[in-house]
């Protein structure tokens, strides 16, 4: 490891964490951290929340203070895009014509917003069409959220609903459209979807489901300005601006052209190595086999990216590692803090604990007597216990889980034998 060169491509939370964690774990060679944006590495989650609403400054987004890079001897190169990996020579070509040599390479290239097909069909990008992934996206959008204007938000997933909450609080007329039959359809069960739809409607958001965008109606001579969104059901929605949040595409092209295995992300093994032993990958661009769920998964989550980054750094420095925990996510909308742990695909029963009318409840997704995932709304204790119940595969019946007096703490500390009954405390 002495004097070996570590190159990290991608300076989001995962890439930045690899660089600093590797140095802390004992990497004593040069570390270079590359990012194609001009900004110092920053947190992305606040972009659709506090930053978009103007509640926090750009400086507060920084992952590390500027002096930290110097103190940890990490060479930060912003505004530099890697365009090609020469695996034989262990060299990366940059967009400015320069080249960087490496001994070990970590790809943390993240993802980019999925483009709206109706927008791609236009000859030029409309000036009032926005995506939200980068700080530049958020900066362009911040000044546009104001009273009296109408915004059409395409996609009612996490990002779309977070933006809807910010926009309606700014006094805008907000229309959120979703091609699926309900909001958050990919990630939550019907009761959670219905609850969030009701909360948004109560706040003044007009939610339209089963509504796919068929065409963007633009005004000639105004640089492609969108004046209305036409839906597949015939509805015409006038708009001052349109914001799109319909998913993420992994940035795996660099790995693909280098001959690494790619399938909806960069394929890595248990130790985050690609098909080239000298190249690792972490974060949103990675697809890895989950022993917990017994299938390959690609997780778009800051906590997952951080865990993978720390594990990669430990492996680089020949340090012991621990298994990556069940994936978790969060979303803040109005006064609701939604935390989700696990993956709910394939569940056969759903148990609600708590009362939705109290704005505090949890949804447990089970397959037979195994908890696959849990959604918690303003119930941090449930979330903490759920992480252990899922990661340790603590078995429990749906009938027992529905008992209001059941202690999740006791359940999380129980044996691995199926729990089917309990004795209430005095």
Foldseek 3Di string as FASTA:
>chain_A
DPQFEEEEEAQELLSVLLLQLLLVLPDHHAAEYEEQAQDAHFHQVCLLACVLLVNDDPVVGHPDPPVVCVVSNYHYDYNWAWDAADPVQQWTAIPVGDIDHGQFYEYAQAWDFDDAVQQVPDPAHAPQEAEGGDPVRSVSNSVVQAAPFEEEEEAQEQSSQSNLLSSLVRRYQAEYEELAQFHNVQADDPVVRVLSVVVSVVSRYHYHYNWGFDHFDADPPPRGHGQWTATPVGDIGGGNHYYYHDDIQAPCVNVVVNPWDDDSAFEAEQQQAIPDNRYGYAAQRYWYQDPLVRGIDRDHASLRSSLSSSSNSCVVSVHDHDHDFFDKHWHDHDPKIKIKTAGQPPFDDKAKADDVVVQWIKIFGHHAFWTGMMITIPPVVVVVLVRLCSRVRQGEHSVAVNPRQDDSVVSSVDDSPYDYDDDHDD
